[in-house]
PDB file of N, CA and C in Angstrom:
ATOM      1  N   MET A   1       0.838  -1.164   0.000  1.00  0.00           N
ATOM      2  CA  MET A   1       0.000   0.000   0.000  1.00  0.00           C
ATOM      3  C   MET A   1       0.889   1.235   0.000  1.00  0.00           C
ATOM      4  N   ARG A   2       0.559   2.169  -0.830  1.00  0.00           N
ATOM      5  CA  ARG A   2       1.384   3.360  -0.964  1.00  0.00           C
ATOM      6  C   ARG A   2       0.859   4.475  -0.086  1.00  0.00           C
ATOM      7  N   GLY A   3       1.747   5.348   0.290  1.00  0.00           N
ATOM      8  CA  GLY A   3       1.374   6.500   1.099  1.00  0.00           C
ATOM      9  C   GLY A   3       1.002   7.687   0.227  1.00  0.00           C
ATOM     10  N   LYS A   4       0.933   8.858   0.830  1.00  0.00           N
ATOM     11  CA  LYS A   4       0.609  10.072   0.098  1.00  0.00           C
ATOM     12  C   LYS A   4       1.804  10.516  -0.728  1.00  0.00           C
ATOM     13  N   ARG A   5       1.511  11.173  -1.840  1.00  0.00           N
ATOM     14  CA  ARG A   5       2.570  11.664  -2.706  1.00  0.00           C
ATOM     15  C   ARG A   5       3.207  12.905  -2.125  1.00  0.00           C
ATOM     16  N   GLY A   6       4.441  13.154  -2.539  1.00  0.00           N
ATOM     17  CA  GLY A   6       5.138  14.374  -2.134  1.00  0.00           C
ATOM     18  C   GLY A   6       6.036  14.153  -0.935  1.00  0.00           C
ATOM     19  N   ARG A   7       6.615  15.267  -0.518  1.00  0.00           N
ATOM     20  CA  ARG A   7       7.505  15.211   0.644  1.00  0.00           C
ATOM     21  C   ARG A   7       6.721  14.886   1.897  1.00  0.00           C
ATOM     22  N   PRO A   8       7.317  14.155   2.812  1.00  0.00           N
ATOM     23  CA  PRO A   8       6.625  13.896   4.074  1.00  0.00           C
ATOM     24  C   PRO A   8       6.458  15.182   4.879  1.00  0.00           C
ATOM     25  N   ARG A   9       5.323  15.297   5.551  1.00  0.00           N
ATOM     26  CA  ARG A   9       5.068  16.494   6.361  1.00  0.00           C
ATOM     27  C   ARG A   9       5.971  16.517   7.578  1.00  0.00           C
ATOM     28  N   ARG A  10       6.411  17.681   7.940  1.00  0.00           N
ATOM     29  CA  ARG A  10       7.222  17.832   9.142  1.00  0.00           C
ATOM     30  C   ARG A  10       6.379  18.343  10.305  1.00  0.00           C
ATOM     31  N   ARG A  11       5.222  18.890   9.989  1.00  0.00           N
ATOM     32  CA  ARG A  11       4.328  19.401  11.022  1.00  0.00           C
ATOM     33  C   ARG A  11       3.134  18.465  11.156  1.00  0.00           C
ATOM     34  N   PRO A  12       2.531  18.438  12.321  1.00  0.00           N
ATOM     35  CA  PRO A  12       1.341  17.603  12.479  1.00  0.00           C
ATOM     36  C   PRO A  12       0.141  18.242  11.774  1.00  0.00           C
ATOM     37  N   ASP A  13      -0.886  17.435  11.520  1.00  0.00           N
ATOM     38  CA  ASP A  13      -2.102  17.958  10.908  1.00  0.00           C
ATOM     39  C   ASP A  13      -2.956  18.699  11.930  1.00  0.00           C
ATOM     40  N   VAL A  14      -2.963  18.210  13.170  1.00  0.00           N
ATOM     41  CA  VAL A  14      -3.834  18.744  14.208  1.00  0.00           C
ATOM     42  C   VAL A  14      -3.036  18.886  15.501  1.00  0.00           C
ATOM     43  N   VAL A  15      -3.336  19.947  16.268  1.00  0.00           N
ATOM     44  CA  VAL A  15      -2.743  20.138  17.590  1.00  0.00           C
ATOM     45  C   VAL A  15      -3.869  20.119  18.612  1.00  0.00           C
ATOM     46  N   LEU A  16      -3.744  19.268  19.632  1.00  0.00           N
ATOM     47  CA  LEU A  16      -4.723  19.201  20.709  1.00  0.00           C
ATOM     48  C   LEU A  16      -4.216  20.023  21.884  1.00  0.00           C
ATOM     49  N   ALA A  17      -5.108  20.798  22.507  1.00  0.00           N
ATOM     50  CA  ALA A  17      -4.695  21.616  23.647  1.00  0.00           C
ATOM     51  C   ALA A  17      -5.849  21.717  24.638  1.00  0.00           C
ATOM     52  N   ASP A  18      -5.519  22.052  25.869  1.00  0.00           N
ATOM     53  CA  ASP A  18      -6.557  22.172  26.884  1.00  0.00           C
ATOM     54  C   ASP A  18      -7.020  23.623  26.996  1.00  0.00           C
ATOM     55  N   ARG A  19      -7.898  23.884  27.960  1.00  0.00           N
ATOM     56  CA  ARG A  19      -8.542  25.190  28.104  1.00  0.00           C
ATOM     57  C   ARG A  19      -7.565  26.316  28.439  1.00  0.00           C
ATOM     58  N   GLY A  20      -6.415  25.995  28.928  1.00  0.00           N
ATOM     59  CA  GLY A  20      -5.445  27.023  29.262  1.00  0.00           C
ATOM     60  C   GLY A  20      -4.932  27.776  28.044  1.00  0.00           C
ATOM     61  N   TYR A  21      -5.057  27.198  26.857  1.00  0.00           N
ATOM     62  CA  TYR A  21      -4.582  27.830  25.630  1.00  0.00           C
ATOM     63  C   TYR A  21      -5.727  28.370  24.787  1.00  0.00           C
ATOM     64  N   ASP A  22      -6.917  28.518  25.371  1.00  0.00           N
ATOM     65  CA  ASP A  22      -8.071  29.002  24.629  1.00  0.00           C
ATOM     66  C   ASP A  22      -7.990  30.520  24.490  1.00  0.00           C
ATOM     67  N   HIS A  23      -7.322  30.966  23.446  1.00  0.00           N
ATOM     68  CA  HIS A  23      -7.198  32.386  23.141  1.00  0.00           C
ATOM     69  C   HIS A  23      -7.003  32.501  21.640  1.00  0.00           C
ATOM     70  N   ASP A  24      -7.586  33.542  21.049  1.00  0.00           N
ATOM     71  CA  ASP A  24      -7.488  33.707  19.598  1.00  0.00           C
ATOM     72  C   ASP A  24      -6.044  33.874  19.127  1.00  0.00           C
ATOM     73  N   LYS A  25      -5.195  34.433  19.984  1.00  0.00           N
ATOM     74  CA  LYS A  25      -3.797  34.630  19.611  1.00  0.00           C
ATOM     75  C   LYS A  25      -3.131  33.282  19.310  1.00  0.00           C
ATOM     76  N   TYR A  26      -3.375  32.282  20.176  1.00  0.00           N
ATOM     77  CA  TYR A  26      -2.767  30.964  19.975  1.00  0.00           C
ATOM     78  C   TYR A  26      -3.385  30.246  18.784  1.00  0.00           C
ATOM     79  N   ARG A  27      -4.681  30.407  18.623  1.00  0.00           N
ATOM     80  CA  ARG A  27      -5.328  29.777  17.460  1.00  0.00           C
ATOM     81  C   ARG A  27      -4.748  30.320  16.154  1.00  0.00           C
ATOM     82  N   ARG A  28      -4.586  31.656  16.083  1.00  0.00           N
ATOM     83  CA  ARG A  28      -4.037  32.257  14.868  1.00  0.00           C
ATOM     84  C   ARG A  28      -2.600  31.798  14.609  1.00  0.00           C
ATOM     85  N   LEU A  29      -1.799  31.714  15.676  1.00  0.00           N
ATOM     86  CA  LEU A  29      -0.413  31.266  15.504  1.00  0.00           C
ATOM     87  C   LEU A  29      -0.348  29.864  14.915  1.00  0.00           C
ATOM     88  N   VAL A  30      -1.216  28.991  15.414  1.00  0.00           N
ATOM     89  CA  VAL A  30      -1.209  27.614  14.929  1.00  0.00           C
ATOM     90  C   VAL A  30      -1.723  27.541  13.494  1.00  0.00           C
ATOM     91  N   TRP A  31      -2.803  28.307  13.190  1.00  0.00           N
ATOM     92  CA  TRP A  31      -3.326  28.309  11.818  1.00  0.00           C
ATOM     93  C   TRP A  31      -2.285  28.836  10.845  1.00  0.00           C
ATOM     94  N   ASP A  32      -1.517  29.860  11.236  1.00  0.00           N
ATOM     95  CA  ASP A  32      -0.497  30.420  10.353  1.00  0.00           C
ATOM     96  C   ASP A  32       0.582  29.406  10.002  1.00  0.00           C
ATOM     97  N   LEU A  33       0.792  28.436  10.882  1.00  0.00           N
ATOM     98  CA  LEU A  33       1.770  27.378  10.598  1.00  0.00           C
ATOM     99  C   LEU A  33       1.180  26.260   9.741  1.00  0.00           C
ATOM    100  N   GLY A  34      -0.103  26.353   9.438  1.00  0.00           N
ATOM    101  CA  GLY A  34      -0.741  25.343   8.602  1.00  0.00           C
ATOM    102  C   GLY A  34      -1.213  24.131   9.376  1.00  0.00           C
ATOM    103  N   VAL A  35      -1.455  24.304  10.673  1.00  0.00           N
ATOM    104  CA  VAL A  35      -1.889  23.212  11.531  1.00  0.00           C
ATOM    105  C   VAL A  35      -3.261  23.568  12.084  1.00  0.00           C
ATOM    106  N   LYS A  36      -4.171  22.608  12.089  1.00  0.00           N
ATOM    107  CA  LYS A  36      -5.525  22.850  12.598  1.00  0.00           C
ATOM    108  C   LYS A  36      -5.515  22.745  14.126  1.00  0.00           C
ATOM    109  N   PRO A  37      -5.915  23.806  14.838  1.00  0.00           N
ATOM    110  CA  PRO A  37      -5.946  23.724  16.299  1.00  0.00           C
ATOM    111  C   PRO A  37      -7.247  23.114  16.802  1.00  0.00           C
ATOM    112  N   GLN A  38      -7.163  22.194  17.729  1.00  0.00           N
ATOM    113  CA  GLN A  38      -8.311  21.655  18.442  1.00  0.00           C
ATOM    114  C   GLN A  38      -8.111  22.017  19.901  1.00  0.00           C
ATOM    115  N   ILE A  39      -8.550  23.220  20.240  1.00  0.00           N
ATOM    116  CA  ILE A  39      -8.369  23.740  21.583  1.00  0.00           C
ATOM    117  C   ILE A  39      -9.728  23.782  22.254  1.00  0.00           C
ATOM    118  N   ALA A  40      -9.822  23.218  23.435  1.00  0.00           N
ATOM    119  CA  ALA A  40     -11.082  23.206  24.164  1.00  0.00           C
ATOM    120  C   ALA A  40     -11.468  24.635  24.532  1.00  0.00           C
ATOM    121  N   ARG A  41     -12.746  24.940  24.392  1.00  0.00           N
ATOM    122  CA  ARG A  41     -13.248  26.274  24.730  1.00  0.00           C
ATOM    123  C   ARG A  41     -13.465  26.389  26.227  1.00  0.00           C
ATOM    124  N   ARG A  42     -13.218  27.576  26.753  1.00  0.00           N
ATOM    125  CA  ARG A  42     -13.487  27.812  28.173  1.00  0.00           C
ATOM    126  C   ARG A  42     -14.990  27.796  28.397  1.00  0.00           C
ATOM    127  N   GLY A  43     -15.393  27.235  29.523  1.00  0.00           N
ATOM    128  CA  GLY A  43     -16.802  27.206  29.865  1.00  0.00           C
ATOM    129  C   GLY A  43     -17.542  25.987  29.349  1.00  0.00           C
ATOM    130  N   THR A  44     -16.897  25.153  28.531  1.00  0.00           N
ATOM    131  CA  THR A  44     -17.562  23.937  28.059  1.00  0.00           C
ATOM    132  C   THR A  44     -17.370  22.835  29.084  1.00  0.00           C
ATOM    133  N   GLU A  45     -18.213  21.829  29.002  1.00  0.00           N
ATOM    134  CA  GLU A  45     -18.095  20.707  29.934  1.00  0.00           C
ATOM    135  C   GLU A  45     -16.815  19.933  29.669  1.00  0.00           C
ATOM    136  N   HIS A  46     -16.365  19.219  30.675  1.00  0.00           N
ATOM    137  CA  HIS A  46     -15.114  18.477  30.537  1.00  0.00           C
ATOM    138  C   HIS A  46     -15.270  17.204  29.724  1.00  0.00           C
ATOM    139  N   GLY A  47     -16.462  16.759  29.472  1.00  0.00           N
ATOM    140  CA  GLY A  47     -16.655  15.567  28.657  1.00  0.00           C
ATOM    141  C   GLY A  47     -16.784  15.888  27.191  1.00  0.00           C
ATOM    142  N   SER A  48     -16.212  17.010  26.746  1.00  0.00           N
ATOM    143  CA  SER A  48     -16.402  17.471  25.374  1.00  0.00           C
ATOM    144  C   SER A  48     -15.545  16.721  24.363  1.00  0.00           C
ATOM    145  N   GLY A  49     -14.696  15.821  24.789  1.00  0.00           N
ATOM    146  CA  GLY A  49     -13.905  15.036  23.841  1.00  0.00           C
ATOM    147  C   GLY A  49     -12.416  15.278  23.984  1.00  0.00           C
ATOM    148  N   LEU A  50     -12.004  16.526  24.127  1.00  0.00           N
ATOM    149  CA  LEU A  50     -10.586  16.783  24.375  1.00  0.00           C
ATOM    150  C   LEU A  50     -10.287  16.380  25.809  1.00  0.00           C
ATOM    151  N   GLY A  51      -9.198  15.778  26.022  1.00  0.00           N
ATOM    152  CA  GLY A  51      -8.863  15.302  27.355  1.00  0.00           C
ATOM    153  C   GLY A  51      -9.133  13.819  27.508  1.00  0.00           C
ATOM    154  N   THR A  52      -9.828  13.226  26.538  1.00  0.00           N
ATOM    155  CA  THR A  52     -10.004  11.786  26.592  1.00  0.00           C
ATOM    156  C   THR A  52      -8.713  11.096  26.172  1.00  0.00           C
ATOM    157  N   GLN A  53      -7.880  11.807  25.417  1.00  0.00           N
ATOM    158  CA  GLN A  53      -6.575  11.260  25.066  1.00  0.00           C
ATOM    159  C   GLN A  53      -5.601  11.579  26.181  1.00  0.00           C
ATOM    160  N   ARG A  54      -4.683  10.688  26.430  1.00  0.00           N
ATOM    161  CA  ARG A  54      -3.699  10.891  27.494  1.00  0.00           C
ATOM    162  C   ARG A  54      -2.634  11.859  27.014  1.00  0.00           C
ATOM    163  N   TRP A  55      -2.219  12.732  27.874  1.00  0.00           N
ATOM    164  CA  TRP A  55      -1.156  13.669  27.552  1.00  0.00           C
ATOM    165  C   TRP A  55       0.160  12.997  27.924  1.00  0.00           C
ATOM    166  N   VAL A  56       0.734  12.320  26.958  1.00  0.00           N
ATOM    167  CA  VAL A  56       1.871  11.444  27.204  1.00  0.00           C
ATOM    168  C   VAL A  56       3.085  12.227  27.688  1.00  0.00           C
ATOM    169  N   VAL A  57       3.356  13.361  27.094  1.00  0.00           N
ATOM    170  CA  VAL A  57       4.548  14.126  27.458  1.00  0.00           C
ATOM    171  C   VAL A  57       4.421  14.670  28.871  1.00  0.00           C
ATOM    172  N   GLU A  58       3.253  15.239  29.201  1.00  0.00           N
ATOM    173  CA  GLU A  58       3.065  15.771  30.544  1.00  0.00           C
ATOM    174  C   GLU A  58       3.126  14.664  31.586  1.00  0.00           C
ATOM    175  N   ARG A  59       2.595  13.494  31.246  1.00  0.00           N
ATOM    176  CA  ARG A  59       2.644  12.371  32.180  1.00  0.00           C
ATOM    177  C   ARG A  59       4.086  11.910  32.370  1.00  0.00           C
ATOM    178  N   ALA A  60       4.874  11.919  31.292  1.00  0.00           N
ATOM    179  CA  ALA A  60       6.277  11.509  31.408  1.00  0.00           C
ATOM    180  C   ALA A  60       7.056  12.474  32.297  1.00  0.00           C
ATOM    181  N   PHE A  61       6.801  13.775  32.134  1.00  0.00           N
ATOM    182  CA  PHE A  61       7.472  14.745  33.004  1.00  0.00           C
ATOM    183  C   PHE A  61       7.043  14.556  34.455  1.00  0.00           C
ATOM    184  N   ALA A  62       5.774  14.247  34.666  1.00  0.00           N
ATOM    185  CA  ALA A  62       5.300  14.020  36.030  1.00  0.00           C
ATOM    186  C   ALA A  62       6.000  12.814  36.644  1.00  0.00           C
ATOM    187  N   HIS A  63       6.187  11.763  35.861  1.00  0.00           N
ATOM    188  CA  HIS A  63       6.903  10.592  36.367  1.00  0.00           C
ATOM    189  C   HIS A  63       8.355  10.929  36.697  1.00  0.00           C
ATOM    190  N   LEU A  64       8.982  11.726  35.851  1.00  0.00           N
ATOM    191  CA  LEU A  64      10.374  12.085  36.101  1.00  0.00           C
ATOM    192  C   LEU A  64      10.517  12.998  37.315  1.00  0.00           C
ATOM    193  N   HIS A  65       9.472  13.759  37.632  1.00  0.00           N
ATOM    194  CA  HIS A  65       9.543  14.650  38.788  1.00  0.00           C
ATOM    195  C   HIS A  65       9.387  13.903  40.109  1.00  0.00           C
ATOM    196  N   TRP A  66       9.088  12.600  40.047  1.00  0.00           N
ATOM    197  CA  TRP A  66       9.103  11.790  41.263  1.00  0.00           C
ATOM    198  C   TRP A  66      10.499  11.753  41.864  1.00  0.00           C
ATOM    199  N   PHE A  67      11.489  11.902  41.001  1.00  0.00           N
ATOM    200  CA  PHE A  67      12.877  11.818  41.436  1.00  0.00           C
ATOM    201  C   PHE A  67      13.375  13.230  41.755  1.00  0.00           C
ATOM    202  N   ARG A  68      13.638  13.468  43.024  1.00  0.00           N
ATOM    203  CA  ARG A  68      13.976  14.807  43.500  1.00  0.00           C
ATOM    204  C   ARG A  68      15.193  15.371  42.777  1.00  0.00           C
ATOM    205  N   ARG A  69      16.129  14.506  42.460  1.00  0.00           N
ATOM    206  CA  ARG A  69      17.363  14.981  41.844  1.00  0.00           C
ATOM    207  C   ARG A  69      17.115  15.523  40.433  1.00  0.00           C
ATOM    208  N   LEU A  70      16.047  15.083  39.784  1.00  0.00           N
ATOM    209  CA  LEU A  70      15.763  15.544  38.429  1.00  0.00           C
ATOM    210  C   LEU A  70      14.831  16.748  38.394  1.00  0.00           C
ATOM    211  N   ARG A  71      14.175  17.068  39.513  1.00  0.00           N
ATOM    212  CA  ARG A  71      13.282  18.225  39.539  1.00  0.00           C
ATOM    213  C   ARG A  71      14.047  19.507  39.258  1.00  0.00           C
ATOM    214  N   ILE A  72      15.165  19.652  39.919  1.00  0.00           N
ATOM    215  CA  ILE A  72      16.057  20.789  39.685  1.00  0.00           C
ATOM    216  C   ILE A  72      17.392  20.218  39.256  1.00  0.00           C
ATOM    217  N   ARG A  73      17.930  20.752  38.203  1.00  0.00           N
ATOM    218  CA  ARG A  73      19.191  20.212  37.698  1.00  0.00           C
ATOM    219  C   ARG A  73      20.340  20.751  38.529  1.00  0.00           C
ATOM    220  N   TRP A  74      20.972  19.851  39.271  1.00  0.00           N
ATOM    221  CA  TRP A  74      22.100  20.231  40.125  1.00  0.00           C
ATOM    222  C   TRP A  74      23.431  19.993  39.428  1.00  0.00           C
ATOM    223  N   GLU A  75      23.474  19.043  38.537  1.00  0.00           N
ATOM    224  CA  GLU A  75      24.746  18.686  37.896  1.00  0.00           C
ATOM    225  C   GLU A  75      25.119  19.707  36.843  1.00  0.00           C
ATOM    226  N   ILE A  76      26.386  20.029  36.797  1.00  0.00           N
ATOM    227  CA  ILE A  76      26.871  20.965  35.794  1.00  0.00           C
ATOM    228  C   ILE A  76      27.129  20.231  34.486  1.00  0.00           C
ATOM    229  N   ARG A  77      27.640  19.023  34.578  1.00  0.00           N
ATOM    230  CA  ARG A  77      27.979  18.264  33.373  1.00  0.00           C
ATOM    231  C   ARG A  77      26.743  17.599  32.782  1.00  0.00           C
ATOM    232  N   ASP A  78      26.632  17.671  31.458  1.00  0.00           N
ATOM    233  CA  ASP A  78      25.480  17.099  30.764  1.00  0.00           C
ATOM    234  C   ASP A  78      25.433  15.582  30.863  1.00  0.00           C
ATOM    235  N   ASP A  79      26.596  14.944  30.802  1.00  0.00           N
ATOM    236  CA  ASP A  79      26.604  13.480  30.775  1.00  0.00           C
ATOM    237  C   ASP A  79      26.094  12.887  32.095  1.00  0.00           C
ATOM    238  N   ILE A  80      26.385  13.552  33.205  1.00  0.00           N
ATOM    239  CA  ILE A  80      25.895  13.050  34.495  1.00  0.00           C
ATOM    240  C   ILE A  80      24.382  13.209  34.582  1.00  0.00           C
ATOM    241  N   HIS A  81      23.876  14.363  34.139  1.00  0.00           N
ATOM    242  CA  HIS A  81      22.428  14.582  34.156  1.00  0.00           C
ATOM    243  C   HIS A  81      21.719  13.583  33.246  1.00  0.00           C
ATOM    244  N   GLU A  82      22.292  13.332  32.088  1.00  0.00           N
ATOM    245  CA  GLU A  82      21.697  12.362  31.161  1.00  0.00           C
ATOM    246  C   GLU A  82      21.724  10.952  31.747  1.00  0.00           C
ATOM    247  N   ALA A  83      22.761  10.629  32.496  1.00  0.00           N
ATOM    248  CA  ALA A  83      22.823   9.322  33.149  1.00  0.00           C
ATOM    249  C   ALA A  83      21.716   9.173  34.183  1.00  0.00           C
ATOM    250  N   PHE A  84      21.472  10.237  34.971  1.00  0.00           N
ATOM    251  CA  PHE A  84      20.372  10.185  35.942  1.00  0.00           C
ATOM    252  C   PHE A  84      19.021  10.089  35.245  1.00  0.00           C
ATOM    253  N   LEU A  85      18.867  10.783  34.108  1.00  0.00           N
ATOM    254  CA  LEU A  85      17.627  10.685  33.341  1.00  0.00           C
ATOM    255  C   LEU A  85      17.410   9.260  32.837  1.00  0.00           C
ATOM    256  N   SER A  86      18.454   8.647  32.311  1.00  0.00           N
ATOM    257  CA  SER A  86      18.340   7.270  31.821  1.00  0.00           C
ATOM    258  C   SER A  86      18.011   6.311  32.950  1.00  0.00           C
ATOM    259  N   LEU A  87      18.641   6.503  34.087  1.00  0.00           N
ATOM    260  CA  LEU A  87      18.365   5.659  35.245  1.00  0.00           C
ATOM    261  C   LEU A  87      16.912   5.826  35.700  1.00  0.00           C
ATOM    262  N   ALA A  88      16.423   7.061  35.744  1.00  0.00           N
ATOM    263  CA  ALA A  88      15.037   7.310  36.146  1.00  0.00           C
ATOM    264  C   ALA A  88      14.059   6.679  35.159  1.00  0.00           C
ATOM    265  N   CYS A  89      14.332   6.796  33.862  1.00  0.00           N
ATOM    266  CA  CYS A  89      13.451   6.190  32.856  1.00  0.00           C
ATOM    267  C   CYS A  89      13.423   4.675  32.982  1.00  0.00           C
ATOM    268  N   SER A  90      14.563   4.084  33.246  1.00  0.00           N
ATOM    269  CA  SER A  90      14.587   2.624  33.389  1.00  0.00           C
ATOM    270  C   SER A  90      13.848   2.186  34.653  1.00  0.00           C
ATOM    271  N   ILE A  91      13.947   2.954  35.742  1.00  0.00           N
ATOM    272  CA  ILE A  91      13.208   2.620  36.968  1.00  0.00           C
ATOM    273  C   ILE A  91      11.712   2.740  36.733  1.00  0.00           C
ATOM    274  N   ILE A  92      11.282   3.795  36.007  1.00  0.00           N
ATOM    275  CA  ILE A  92       9.858   3.970  35.704  1.00  0.00           C
ATOM    276  C   ILE A  92       9.347   2.803  34.867  1.00  0.00           C
ATOM    277  N   CYS A  93      10.093   2.421  33.843  1.00  0.00           N
ATOM    278  CA  CYS A  93       9.680   1.291  32.996  1.00  0.00           C
ATOM    279  C   CYS A  93       9.640  -0.001  33.793  1.00  0.00           C
ATOM    280  N   TRP A  94      10.615  -0.216  34.640  1.00  0.00           N
ATOM    281  CA  TRP A  94      10.657  -1.440  35.443  1.00  0.00           C
ATOM    282  C   TRP A  94       9.453  -1.516  36.375  1.00  0.00           C
ATOM    283  N   ARG A  95       9.103  -0.393  37.008  1.00  0.00           N
ATOM    284  CA  ARG A  95       7.933  -0.380  37.892  1.00  0.00           C
ATOM    285  C   ARG A  95       6.654  -0.654  37.117  1.00  0.00           C
ATOM    286  N   ARG A  96       6.534  -0.087  35.905  1.00  0.00           N
ATOM    287  CA  ARG A  96       5.358  -0.326  35.074  1.00  0.00           C
ATOM    288  C   ARG A  96       5.249  -1.790  34.674  1.00  0.00           C
ATOM    289  N   LEU A  97       6.374  -2.365  34.256  1.00  0.00           N
ATOM    290  CA  LEU A  97       6.362  -3.764  33.834  1.00  0.00           C
ATOM    291  C   LEU A  97       6.085  -4.691  35.013  1.00  0.00           C
ATOM    292  N   LYS A  98       6.555  -4.312  36.182  1.00  0.00           N
ATOM    293  CA  LYS A  98       6.319  -5.130  37.368  1.00  0.00           C
ATOM    294  C   LYS A  98       4.824  -5.174  37.704  1.00  0.00           C
ATOM    295  N   LYS A  99       4.109  -4.075  37.468  1.00  0.00           N
ATOM    296  CA  LYS A  99       2.667  -4.044  37.716  1.00  0.00           C
ATOM    297  C   LYS A  99       1.903  -4.914  36.702  1.00  0.00           C
ATOM    298  N   LEU A 100       2.380  -4.952  35.470  1.00  0.00           N
ATOM    299  CA  LEU A 100       1.681  -5.679  34.416  1.00  0.00           C
ATOM    300  C   LEU A 100       1.923  -7.175  34.454  1.00  0.00           C
ATOM    301  N   ARG A 101       2.990  -7.604  35.102  1.00  0.00           N
ATOM    302  CA  ARG A 101       3.355  -9.016  35.111  1.00  0.00           C
ATOM    303  C   ARG A 101       2.339  -9.827  35.934  1.00  0.00           C
ATOM    304  N   PRO A 102       1.760 -10.867  35.323  1.00  0.00           N
ATOM    305  CA  PRO A 102       0.813 -11.691  36.089  1.00  0.00           C
ATOM    306  C   PRO A 102       1.545 -12.537  37.114  1.00  0.00           C
ATOM    307  N   ARG A 103       0.929 -12.759  38.238  1.00  0.00           N
ATOM    308  CA  ARG A 103       1.571 -13.542  39.285  1.00  0.00           C
ATOM    309  C   ARG A 103       1.071 -14.948  39.286  1.00  0.00           C
TER     310      ARG A 103
END
């Protein structure tokens, strides 16, 4: 099966956002980039459809903030900070897999 013709897109087709970004300024900025904004309107009910998808990036940052050392970057060297990030990611994955494993 073939895909669409032409160069692959570098931008997404749609951007999902929560009520905190409900402003015409942000909508115009996104439209100018050629991306359709799906921003929840203020005052609408929370079951309106946006928010049913998980915010993967925000959840990942929340998981990383469990580790006090990563909340504020204390290390001056990049390689040490990256090592702590890798260690934290592996601990998060291990805990997730441990929950999923049937006993």
